[in-house]
PDB file of N, CA and C in Angstrom:
ATOM      1  N   UNK A   1      98.918  56.987  54.593  1.00  0.00           N
ATOM      2  CA  UNK A   1      97.673  57.616  53.860  1.00  0.00           C
ATOM      3  C   UNK A   1      97.038  56.763  53.026  1.00  0.00           C
ATOM      4  N   UNK A   2      95.659  57.113  52.936  1.00  0.00           N
ATOM      5  CA  UNK A   2      95.147  56.078  51.964  1.00  0.00           C
ATOM      6  C   UNK A   2      95.431  56.676  50.544  1.00  0.00           C
ATOM      7  N   UNK A   3      96.034  56.115  49.817  1.00  0.00           N
ATOM      8  CA  UNK A   3      96.447  56.482  48.202  1.00  0.00           C
ATOM      9  C   UNK A   3      94.737  56.915  47.300  1.00  0.00           C
ATOM     10  N   UNK A   4      93.750  56.243  47.626  1.00  0.00           N
ATOM     11  CA  UNK A   4      92.937  56.738  47.490  1.00  0.00           C
ATOM     12  C   UNK A   4      91.948  58.032  47.716  1.00  0.00           C
ATOM     13  N   UNK A   5      92.588  58.853  48.734  1.00  0.00           N
ATOM     14  CA  UNK A   5      92.454  60.143  48.862  1.00  0.00           C
ATOM     15  C   UNK A   5      92.947  61.169  48.755  1.00  0.00           C
ATOM     16  N   UNK A   6      94.408  60.927  48.328  1.00  0.00           N
ATOM     17  CA  UNK A   6      95.707  61.576  48.016  1.00  0.00           C
ATOM     18  C   UNK A   6      94.798  61.294  46.103  1.00  0.00           C
ATOM     19  N   UNK A   7      94.819  60.198  45.725  1.00  0.00           N
ATOM     20  CA  UNK A   7      94.498  60.601  44.047  1.00  0.00           C
ATOM     21  C   UNK A   7      93.283  61.058  44.142  1.00  0.00           C
ATOM     22  N   UNK A   8      92.297  61.491  44.291  1.00  0.00           N
ATOM     23  CA  UNK A   8      91.430  62.568  44.270  1.00  0.00           C
ATOM     24  C   UNK A   8      91.477  63.649  44.830  1.00  0.00           C
ATOM     25  N   UNK A   9      92.179  63.783  45.969  1.00  0.00           N
ATOM     26  CA  UNK A   9      92.607  65.446  46.435  1.00  0.00           C
ATOM     27  C   UNK A   9      93.433  66.168  44.952  1.00  0.00           C
ATOM     28  N   UNK A  10      94.519  64.782  44.437  1.00  0.00           N
ATOM     29  CA  UNK A  10      95.071  65.652  43.061  1.00  0.00           C
ATOM     30  C   UNK A  10      94.599  65.795  42.061  1.00  0.00           C
ATOM     31  N   UNK A  11      93.378  64.866  41.465  1.00  0.00           N
ATOM     32  CA  UNK A  11      92.562  65.191  40.874  1.00  0.00           C
ATOM     33  C   UNK A  11      91.581  66.443  40.710  1.00  0.00           C
ATOM     34  N   UNK A  12      91.040  66.458  42.367  1.00  0.00           N
ATOM     35  CA  UNK A  12      90.542  67.798  42.408  1.00  0.00           C
ATOM     36  C   UNK A  12      91.687  68.770  42.010  1.00  0.00           C
ATOM     37  N   UNK A  13      92.917  68.831  42.623  1.00  0.00           N
ATOM     38  CA  UNK A  13      93.191  70.353  42.405  1.00  0.00           C
ATOM     39  C   UNK A  13      93.836  70.221  41.066  1.00  0.00           C
ATOM     40  N   UNK A  14      93.557  69.407  40.346  1.00  0.00           N
ATOM     41  CA  UNK A  14      94.212  69.889  38.537  1.00  0.00           C
ATOM     42  C   UNK A  14      92.875  70.356  38.451  1.00  0.00           C
ATOM     43  N   UNK A  15      91.729  70.002  38.723  1.00  0.00           N
ATOM     44  CA  UNK A  15      90.142  70.697  37.699  1.00  0.00           C
ATOM     45  C   UNK A  15      90.354  71.585  38.394  1.00  0.00           C
ATOM     46  N   UNK A  16      90.412  71.646  39.212  1.00  0.00           N
ATOM     47  CA  UNK A  16      90.273  73.603  40.035  1.00  0.00           C
ATOM     48  C   UNK A  16      91.603  74.486  39.763  1.00  0.00           C
ATOM     49  N   UNK A  17      92.777  73.879  39.389  1.00  0.00           N
ATOM     50  CA  UNK A  17      93.999  74.410  38.970  1.00  0.00           C
ATOM     51  C   UNK A  17      93.834  75.048  37.969  1.00  0.00           C
ATOM     52  N   UNK A  18      93.429  74.269  37.417  1.00  0.00           N
ATOM     53  CA  UNK A  18      93.015  74.361  35.357  1.00  0.00           C
ATOM     54  C   UNK A  18      91.743  75.482  35.644  1.00  0.00           C
ATOM     55  N   UNK A  19      91.424  76.107  36.305  1.00  0.00           N
ATOM     56  CA  UNK A  19      90.788  77.074  36.023  1.00  0.00           C
ATOM     57  C   UNK A  19      88.917  77.151  36.011  1.00  0.00           C
ATOM     58  N   UNK A  20      88.689  75.706  36.257  1.00  0.00           N
ATOM     59  CA  UNK A  20      87.545  75.283  35.795  1.00  0.00           C
ATOM     60  C   UNK A  20      86.921  75.520  37.286  1.00  0.00           C
ATOM     61  N   UNK A  21      85.511  76.045  37.517  1.00  0.00           N
ATOM     62  CA  UNK A  21      84.322  76.194  38.225  1.00  0.00           C
ATOM     63  C   UNK A  21      83.633  75.341  38.461  1.00  0.00           C
ATOM     64  N   UNK A  22      83.225  75.130  40.057  1.00  0.00           N
ATOM     65  CA  UNK A  22      81.951  74.390  40.298  1.00  0.00           C
ATOM     66  C   UNK A  22      80.617  74.646  40.501  1.00  0.00           C
ATOM     67  N   UNK A  23      80.422  75.186  39.179  1.00  0.00           N
ATOM     68  CA  UNK A  23      78.870  75.433  38.314  1.00  0.00           C
ATOM     69  C   UNK A  23      78.276  74.667  37.726  1.00  0.00           C
ATOM     70  N   UNK A  24      77.666  74.929  37.412  1.00  0.00           N
ATOM     71  CA  UNK A  24      76.733  73.346  36.538  1.00  0.00           C
ATOM     72  C   UNK A  24      76.814  74.049  35.552  1.00  0.00           C
ATOM     73  N   UNK A  25      76.795  72.979  34.838  1.00  0.00           N
ATOM     74  CA  UNK A  25      76.725  73.489  32.771  1.00  0.00           C
ATOM     75  C   UNK A  25      76.052  74.476  32.675  1.00  0.00           C
ATOM     76  N   UNK A  26      74.388  74.336  32.964  1.00  0.00           N
ATOM     77  CA  UNK A  26      73.751  75.543  32.767  1.00  0.00           C
ATOM     78  C   UNK A  26      74.346  76.757  32.984  1.00  0.00           C
ATOM     79  N   UNK A  27      75.020  77.028  34.407  1.00  0.00           N
ATOM     80  CA  UNK A  27      75.320  78.248  34.281  1.00  0.00           C
ATOM     81  C   UNK A  27      77.019  78.966  33.644  1.00  0.00           C
ATOM     82  N   UNK A  28      77.432  77.701  33.568  1.00  0.00           N
ATOM     83  CA  UNK A  28      78.660  78.072  32.693  1.00  0.00           C
ATOM     84  C   UNK A  28      78.257  78.530  31.113  1.00  0.00           C
ATOM     85  N   UNK A  29      77.068  77.733  30.453  1.00  0.00           N
ATOM     86  CA  UNK A  29      76.810  78.165  29.330  1.00  0.00           C
ATOM     87  C   UNK A  29      76.256  79.850  29.287  1.00  0.00           C
ATOM     88  N   UNK A  30      74.910  79.487  30.432  1.00  0.00           N
ATOM     89  CA  UNK A  30      74.906  81.003  30.894  1.00  0.00           C
ATOM     90  C   UNK A  30      75.668  82.245  30.446  1.00  0.00           C
ATOM     91  N   UNK A  31      76.790  81.925  31.665  1.00  0.00           N
ATOM     92  CA  UNK A  31      77.949  83.108  31.655  1.00  0.00           C
ATOM     93  C   UNK A  31      78.365  83.264  30.453  1.00  0.00           C
ATOM     94  N   UNK A  32      78.877  82.513  29.667  1.00  0.00           N
ATOM     95  CA  UNK A  32      79.257  82.150  28.456  1.00  0.00           C
ATOM     96  C   UNK A  32      78.134  83.314  27.041  1.00  0.00           C
ATOM     97  N   UNK A  33      76.959  82.710  27.674  1.00  0.00           N
ATOM     98  CA  UNK A  33      76.204  83.437  26.072  1.00  0.00           C
ATOM     99  C   UNK A  33      75.756  84.743  26.655  1.00  0.00           C
ATOM    100  N   UNK A  34      75.749  85.435  28.054  1.00  0.00           N
ATOM    101  CA  UNK A  34      75.294  86.662  28.404  1.00  0.00           C
ATOM    102  C   UNK A  34      76.176  87.524  29.125  1.00  0.00           C
ATOM    103  N   UNK A  35      77.408  86.759  29.443  1.00  0.00           N
ATOM    104  CA  UNK A  35      78.353  87.770  30.604  1.00  0.00           C
ATOM    105  C   UNK A  35      80.248  87.519  29.466  1.00  0.00           C
ATOM    106  N   UNK A  36      80.520  86.285  29.027  1.00  0.00           N
ATOM    107  CA  UNK A  36      81.349  86.383  28.874  1.00  0.00           C
ATOM    108  C   UNK A  36      82.230  87.335  27.598  1.00  0.00           C
ATOM    109  N   UNK A  37      81.010  87.788  26.730  1.00  0.00           N
ATOM    110  CA  UNK A  37      81.506  88.448  25.546  1.00  0.00           C
ATOM    111  C   UNK A  37      82.112  90.001  25.921  1.00  0.00           C
ATOM    112  N   UNK A  38      81.786  90.045  27.542  1.00  0.00           N
ATOM    113  CA  UNK A  38      82.367  91.458  27.937  1.00  0.00           C
ATOM    114  C   UNK A  38      83.253  91.263  28.921  1.00  0.00           C
ATOM    115  N   UNK A  39      83.144  90.546  30.266  1.00  0.00           N
ATOM    116  CA  UNK A  39      83.897  90.609  31.009  1.00  0.00           C
ATOM    117  C   UNK A  39      85.075  89.208  31.255  1.00  0.00           C
ATOM    118  N   UNK A  40      84.839  88.261  30.076  1.00  0.00           N
ATOM    119  CA  UNK A  40      85.593  87.267  29.801  1.00  0.00           C
ATOM    120  C   UNK A  40      85.735  86.526  30.156  1.00  0.00           C
ATOM    121  N   UNK A  41      86.182  84.840  29.500  1.00  0.00           N
ATOM    122  CA  UNK A  41      86.103  83.617  30.382  1.00  0.00           C
ATOM    123  C   UNK A  41      86.652  83.555  31.508  1.00  0.00           C
ATOM    124  N   UNK A  42      87.469  84.255  32.137  1.00  0.00           N
ATOM    125  CA  UNK A  42      88.589  84.385  33.416  1.00  0.00           C
ATOM    126  C   UNK A  42      87.958  85.179  34.345  1.00  0.00           C
ATOM    127  N   UNK A  43      86.549  86.380  33.626  1.00  0.00           N
ATOM    128  CA  UNK A  43      86.381  87.710  35.090  1.00  0.00           C
ATOM    129  C   UNK A  43      87.333  88.809  35.179  1.00  0.00           C
ATOM    130  N   UNK A  44      87.692  88.628  34.131  1.00  0.00           N
ATOM    131  CA  UNK A  44      88.869  90.049  33.673  1.00  0.00           C
ATOM    132  C   UNK A  44      88.969  90.828  32.589  1.00  0.00           C
ATOM    133  N   UNK A  45      87.859  90.447  31.702  1.00  0.00           N
ATOM    134  CA  UNK A  45      87.223  91.249  31.061  1.00  0.00           C
ATOM    135  C   UNK A  45      88.282  91.172  29.365  1.00  0.00           C
ATOM    136  N   UNK A  46      87.098  91.121  28.593  1.00  0.00           N
ATOM    137  CA  UNK A  46      87.838  91.101  27.354  1.00  0.00           C
ATOM    138  C   UNK A  46      87.967  92.158  26.506  1.00  0.00           C
ATOM    139  N   UNK A  47      88.793  92.092  25.351  1.00  0.00           N
ATOM    140  CA  UNK A  47      89.022  93.424  24.508  1.00  0.00           C
ATOM    141  C   UNK A  47      87.894  94.398  24.633  1.00  0.00           C
ATOM    142  N   UNK A  48      86.911  94.097  24.072  1.00  0.00           N
ATOM    143  CA  UNK A  48      85.429  94.735  23.630  1.00  0.00           C
ATOM    144  C   UNK A  48      85.172  95.147  24.891  1.00  0.00           C
ATOM    145  N   UNK A  49      84.878  94.335  25.790  1.00  0.00           N
ATOM    146  CA  UNK A  49      84.361  94.806  27.338  1.00  0.00           C
ATOM    147  C   UNK A  49      85.799  95.767  28.013  1.00  0.00           C
ATOM    148  N   UNK A  50      86.674  95.734  27.660  1.00  0.00           N
ATOM    149  CA  UNK A  50      87.676  96.557  28.070  1.00  0.00           C
ATOM    150  C   UNK A  50      87.239  97.990  27.476  1.00  0.00           C
ATOM    151  N   UNK A  51      87.003  97.935  26.102  1.00  0.00           N
ATOM    152  CA  UNK A  51      86.682  99.046  25.248  1.00  0.00           C
ATOM    153  C   UNK A  51      85.140  99.767  25.955  1.00  0.00           C
ATOM    154  N   UNK A  52      84.581  99.212  26.294  1.00  0.00           N
ATOM    155  CA  UNK A  52      83.193  99.659  26.704  1.00  0.00           C
ATOM    156  C   UNK A  52      82.827  99.929  28.426  1.00  0.00           C
ATOM    157  N   UNK A  53      83.873  99.447  29.157  1.00  0.00           N
ATOM    158  CA  UNK A  53      84.039  99.984  30.869  1.00  0.00           C
ATOM    159  C   UNK A  53      83.840  98.550  31.789  1.00  0.00           C
ATOM    160  N   UNK A  54      83.450  97.862  30.922  1.00  0.00           N
ATOM    161  CA  UNK A  54      83.238  96.694  31.751  1.00  0.00           C
ATOM    162  C   UNK A  54      84.335  96.181  32.674  1.00  0.00           C
ATOM    163  N   UNK A  55      83.757  96.044  33.961  1.00  0.00           N
ATOM    164  CA  UNK A  55      84.658  95.847  35.329  1.00  0.00           C
ATOM    165  C   UNK A  55      85.020  94.771  35.385  1.00  0.00           C
ATOM    166  N   UNK A  56      86.467  94.476  35.863  1.00  0.00           N
ATOM    167  CA  UNK A  56      87.194  93.361  36.058  1.00  0.00           C
ATOM    168  C   UNK A  56      86.351  92.742  37.255  1.00  0.00           C
ATOM    169  N   UNK A  57      86.122  91.418  37.478  1.00  0.00           N
ATOM    170  CA  UNK A  57      85.215  91.137  38.666  1.00  0.00           C
ATOM    171  C   UNK A  57      86.235  90.958  39.962  1.00  0.00           C
ATOM    172  N   UNK A  58      87.492  91.008  39.647  1.00  0.00           N
ATOM    173  CA  UNK A  58      89.064  91.180  40.306  1.00  0.00           C
ATOM    174  C   UNK A  58      89.433  92.674  41.055  1.00  0.00           C
ATOM    175  N   UNK A  59      88.409  93.558  40.232  1.00  0.00           N
ATOM    176  CA  UNK A  59      88.392  95.207  40.322  1.00  0.00           C
ATOM    177  C   UNK A  59      88.040  95.186  41.769  1.00  0.00           C
ATOM    178  N   UNK A  60      88.928  95.635  42.827  1.00  0.00           N
ATOM    179  CA  UNK A  60      88.634  95.945  44.208  1.00  0.00           C
ATOM    180  C   UNK A  60      87.566  96.795  44.270  1.00  0.00           C
ATOM    181  N   UNK A  61      86.208  97.619  43.526  1.00  0.00           N
ATOM    182  CA  UNK A  61      85.641  98.051  43.473  1.00  0.00           C
ATOM    183  C   UNK A  61      84.063  97.273  43.167  1.00  0.00           C
ATOM    184  N   UNK A  62      84.926  96.399  42.547  1.00  0.00           N
ATOM    185  CA  UNK A  62      83.726  94.907  41.883  1.00  0.00           C
ATOM    186  C   UNK A  62      83.711  93.657  43.241  1.00  0.00           C
ATOM    187  N   UNK A  63      84.969  93.881  43.761  1.00  0.00           N
ATOM    188  CA  UNK A  63      84.969  92.357  44.763  1.00  0.00           C
ATOM    189  C   UNK A  63      84.293  92.478  46.158  1.00  0.00           C
ATOM    190  N   UNK A  64      84.071  94.610  46.242  1.00  0.00           N
ATOM    191  CA  UNK A  64      83.712  94.319  47.567  1.00  0.00           C
ATOM    192  C   UNK A  64      82.409  95.179  47.800  1.00  0.00           C
ATOM    193  N   UNK A  65      81.580  94.878  46.071  1.00  0.00           N
ATOM    194  CA  UNK A  65      80.215  94.992  46.345  1.00  0.00           C
ATOM    195  C   UNK A  65      79.352  93.844  46.989  1.00  0.00           C
ATOM    196  N   UNK A  66      78.173  93.867  48.009  1.00  0.00           N
ATOM    197  CA  UNK A  66      77.694  92.839  48.395  1.00  0.00           C
ATOM    198  C   UNK A  66      76.613  91.791  47.120  1.00  0.00           C
ATOM    199  N   UNK A  67      75.996  91.661  47.682  1.00  0.00           N
ATOM    200  CA  UNK A  67      75.411  90.714  46.576  1.00  0.00           C
ATOM    201  C   UNK A  67      74.107  91.139  45.898  1.00  0.00           C
ATOM    202  N   UNK A  68      73.727  91.465  47.248  1.00  0.00           N
ATOM    203  CA  UNK A  68      72.537  92.433  46.335  1.00  0.00           C
ATOM    204  C   UNK A  68      72.503  93.216  45.863  1.00  0.00           C
ATOM    205  N   UNK A  69      74.046  94.289  45.613  1.00  0.00           N
ATOM    206  CA  UNK A  69      74.287  95.212  44.872  1.00  0.00           C
ATOM    207  C   UNK A  69      75.145  94.562  43.657  1.00  0.00           C
ATOM    208  N   UNK A  70      75.606  93.775  44.028  1.00  0.00           N
ATOM    209  CA  UNK A  70      75.705  93.045  42.336  1.00  0.00           C
ATOM    210  C   UNK A  70      74.354  92.434  41.539  1.00  0.00           C
ATOM    211  N   UNK A  71      73.515  92.279  42.771  1.00  0.00           N
ATOM    212  CA  UNK A  71      71.920  91.357  41.745  1.00  0.00           C
ATOM    213  C   UNK A  71      71.705  92.715  41.167  1.00  0.00           C
ATOM    214  N   UNK A  72      71.330  93.930  42.123  1.00  0.00           N
ATOM    215  CA  UNK A  72      70.739  94.811  41.374  1.00  0.00           C
ATOM    216  C   UNK A  72      71.668  95.459  39.591  1.00  0.00           C
ATOM    217  N   UNK A  73      73.115  95.199  40.054  1.00  0.00           N
ATOM    218  CA  UNK A  73      73.874  95.846  38.633  1.00  0.00           C
ATOM    219  C   UNK A  73      72.805  94.333  37.355  1.00  0.00           C
ATOM    220  N   UNK A  74      73.107  93.023  37.324  1.00  0.00           N
ATOM    221  CA  UNK A  74      72.805  93.004  36.462  1.00  0.00           C
ATOM    222  C   UNK A  74      71.092  92.678  36.152  1.00  0.00           C
ATOM    223  N   UNK A  75      70.256  92.784  37.474  1.00  0.00           N
ATOM    224  CA  UNK A  75      69.149  92.961  37.028  1.00  0.00           C
ATOM    225  C   UNK A  75      68.668  94.163  36.306  1.00  0.00           C
ATOM    226  N   UNK A  76      69.256  95.400  36.511  1.00  0.00           N
ATOM    227  CA  UNK A  76      68.906  96.796  36.022  1.00  0.00           C
ATOM    228  C   UNK A  76      69.436  97.406  35.409  1.00  0.00           C
ATOM    229  N   UNK A  77      71.189  96.424  35.065  1.00  0.00           N
ATOM    230  CA  UNK A  77      71.610  96.798  34.203  1.00  0.00           C
ATOM    231  C   UNK A  77      73.223  98.212  34.656  1.00  0.00           C
ATOM    232  N   UNK A  78      73.492  98.688  34.239  1.00  0.00           N
ATOM    233  CA  UNK A  78      74.537  99.907  34.452  1.00  0.00           C
ATOM    234  C   UNK A  78      75.591 100.132  33.331  1.00  0.00           C
ATOM    235  N   UNK A  79      75.298 101.813  32.836  1.00  0.00           N
ATOM    236  CA  UNK A  79      76.042 102.202  31.832  1.00  0.00           C
ATOM    237  C   UNK A  79      75.601 101.385  30.647  1.00  0.00           C
ATOM    238  N   UNK A  80      76.738 100.900  30.072  1.00  0.00           N
ATOM    239  CA  UNK A  80      76.413 100.151  28.911  1.00  0.00           C
ATOM    240  C   UNK A  80      76.047  98.386  29.164  1.00  0.00           C
ATOM    241  N   UNK A  81      76.172  98.080  30.338  1.00  0.00           N
ATOM    242  CA  UNK A  81      75.252  97.005  30.800  1.00  0.00           C
ATOM    243  C   UNK A  81      73.973  96.784  30.196  1.00  0.00           C
ATOM    244  N   UNK A  82      73.931  95.793  29.477  1.00  0.00           N
ATOM    245  CA  UNK A  82      71.898  95.640  29.692  1.00  0.00           C
ATOM    246  C   UNK A  82      71.591  94.795  30.654  1.00  0.00           C
ATOM    247  N   UNK A  83      70.411  95.507  31.394  1.00  0.00           N
ATOM    248  CA  UNK A  83      69.177  95.150  31.895  1.00  0.00           C
ATOM    249  C   UNK A  83      68.860  93.962  32.135  1.00  0.00           C
ATOM    250  N   UNK A  84      69.047  92.586  33.120  1.00  0.00           N
ATOM    251  CA  UNK A  84      68.755  91.277  32.483  1.00  0.00           C
ATOM    252  C   UNK A  84      67.283  90.798  33.619  1.00  0.00           C
ATOM    253  N   UNK A  85      66.642  91.991  34.153  1.00  0.00           N
ATOM    254  CA  UNK A  85      65.503  91.749  34.623  1.00  0.00           C
ATOM    255  C   UNK A  85      64.619  91.169  33.685  1.00  0.00           C
ATOM    256  N   UNK A  86      63.599  90.420  34.015  1.00  0.00           N
ATOM    257  CA  UNK A  86      62.969  89.834  33.067  1.00  0.00           C
ATOM    258  C   UNK A  86      63.844  88.892  31.906  1.00  0.00           C
ATOM    259  N   UNK A  87      64.436  89.168  31.797  1.00  0.00           N
ATOM    260  CA  UNK A  87      65.148  88.436  30.873  1.00  0.00           C
ATOM    261  C   UNK A  87      65.791  86.644  31.456  1.00  0.00           C
ATOM    262  N   UNK A  88      66.168  86.726  32.883  1.00  0.00           N
ATOM    263  CA  UNK A  88      66.839  86.050  33.541  1.00  0.00           C
ATOM    264  C   UNK A  88      65.984  86.137  35.114  1.00  0.00           C
ATOM    265  N   UNK A  89      65.921  84.568  35.358  1.00  0.00           N
ATOM    266  CA  UNK A  89      65.047  84.436  36.509  1.00  0.00           C
ATOM    267  C   UNK A  89      66.153  84.731  37.603  1.00  0.00           C
ATOM    268  N   UNK A  90      65.001  84.978  38.517  1.00  0.00           N
ATOM    269  CA  UNK A  90      66.608  85.552  40.297  1.00  0.00           C
ATOM    270  C   UNK A  90      67.095  84.223  40.464  1.00  0.00           C
ATOM    271  N   UNK A  91      66.681  83.139  39.656  1.00  0.00           N
ATOM    272  CA  UNK A  91      67.704  82.035  40.453  1.00  0.00           C
ATOM    273  C   UNK A  91      68.990  81.990  39.122  1.00  0.00           C
ATOM    274  N   UNK A  92      68.662  82.280  38.481  1.00  0.00           N
ATOM    275  CA  UNK A  92      69.500  82.402  36.961  1.00  0.00           C
ATOM    276  C   UNK A  92      70.341  83.576  37.653  1.00  0.00           C
ATOM    277  N   UNK A  93      70.011  84.273  37.834  1.00  0.00           N
ATOM    278  CA  UNK A  93      70.744  85.696  38.554  1.00  0.00           C
ATOM    279  C   UNK A  93      71.865  85.017  39.213  1.00  0.00           C
ATOM    280  N   UNK A  94      70.958  84.559  40.508  1.00  0.00           N
ATOM    281  CA  UNK A  94      71.829  83.841  41.772  1.00  0.00           C
ATOM    282  C   UNK A  94      73.228  83.123  41.626  1.00  0.00           C
ATOM    283  N   UNK A  95      72.624  82.250  40.448  1.00  0.00           N
ATOM    284  CA  UNK A  95      73.557  81.175  40.169  1.00  0.00           C
ATOM    285  C   UNK A  95      75.065  82.125  39.600  1.00  0.00           C
ATOM    286  N   UNK A  96      74.409  82.333  38.873  1.00  0.00           N
ATOM    287  CA  UNK A  96      75.283  83.618  37.852  1.00  0.00           C
ATOM    288  C   UNK A  96      76.322  83.960  39.019  1.00  0.00           C
ATOM    289  N   UNK A  97      75.883  85.293  39.648  1.00  0.00           N
ATOM    290  CA  UNK A  97      77.031  85.780  40.814  1.00  0.00           C
ATOM    291  C   UNK A  97      78.023  84.485  41.417  1.00  0.00           C
ATOM    292  N   UNK A  98      77.266  83.477  42.007  1.00  0.00           N
ATOM    293  CA  UNK A  98      78.470  82.888  42.483  1.00  0.00           C
ATOM    294  C   UNK A  98      79.331  81.926  41.768  1.00  0.00           C
ATOM    295  N   UNK A  99      78.906  82.118  40.369  1.00  0.00           N
ATOM    296  CA  UNK A  99      79.878  82.156  39.350  1.00  0.00           C
ATOM    297  C   UNK A  99      80.907  82.427  39.907  1.00  0.00           C
ATOM    298  N   UNK A 100      80.224  83.484  39.278  1.00  0.00           N
ATOM    299  CA  UNK A 100      81.621  84.736  39.409  1.00  0.00           C
ATOM    300  C   UNK A 100      82.416  85.428  40.617  1.00  0.00           C
ATOM    301  N   UNK A 101      81.833  84.816  41.577  1.00  0.00           N
ATOM    302  CA  UNK A 101      82.602  85.106  42.612  1.00  0.00           C
ATOM    303  C   UNK A 101      83.173  83.603  42.549  1.00  0.00           C
ATOM    304  N   UNK A 102      83.259  82.686  42.355  1.00  0.00           N
ATOM    305  CA  UNK A 102      84.329  81.574  41.884  1.00  0.00           C
ATOM    306  C   UNK A 102      85.043  81.689  41.324  1.00  0.00           C
ATOM    307  N   UNK A 103      85.453  83.004  39.783  1.00  0.00           N
ATOM    308  CA  UNK A 103      86.023  82.930  39.281  1.00  0.00           C
ATOM    309  C   UNK A 103      87.057  84.373  40.323  1.00  0.00           C
ATOM    310  N   UNK A 104      86.664  84.903  40.522  1.00  0.00           N
ATOM    311  CA  UNK A 104      87.517  86.140  41.543  1.00  0.00           C
ATOM    312  C   UNK A 104      88.416  85.220  42.273  1.00  0.00           C
TER     313      UNK A 104
END
């Protein structure tokens, strides 16, 4: 076995195993500033978010939602979640949804 491939695989596993996702830094920063306060760093919900009724991304009801349904929720808001339509571009929302999918 080629030791370079093994070394690269080991580094990749450690990188992913530590919960770091492949999203670019701008998307991670956007998540931290707009979503993390309620949904938590890992998508399981913060203490404040749980009190406000924010759903964990691992919740079966959220996990089975389609991309378009999730995009509508982010764009239009829901319950106490603010609407981000006009505040974020469609590309930013799509990038956030991809990042959230990685957190699941």
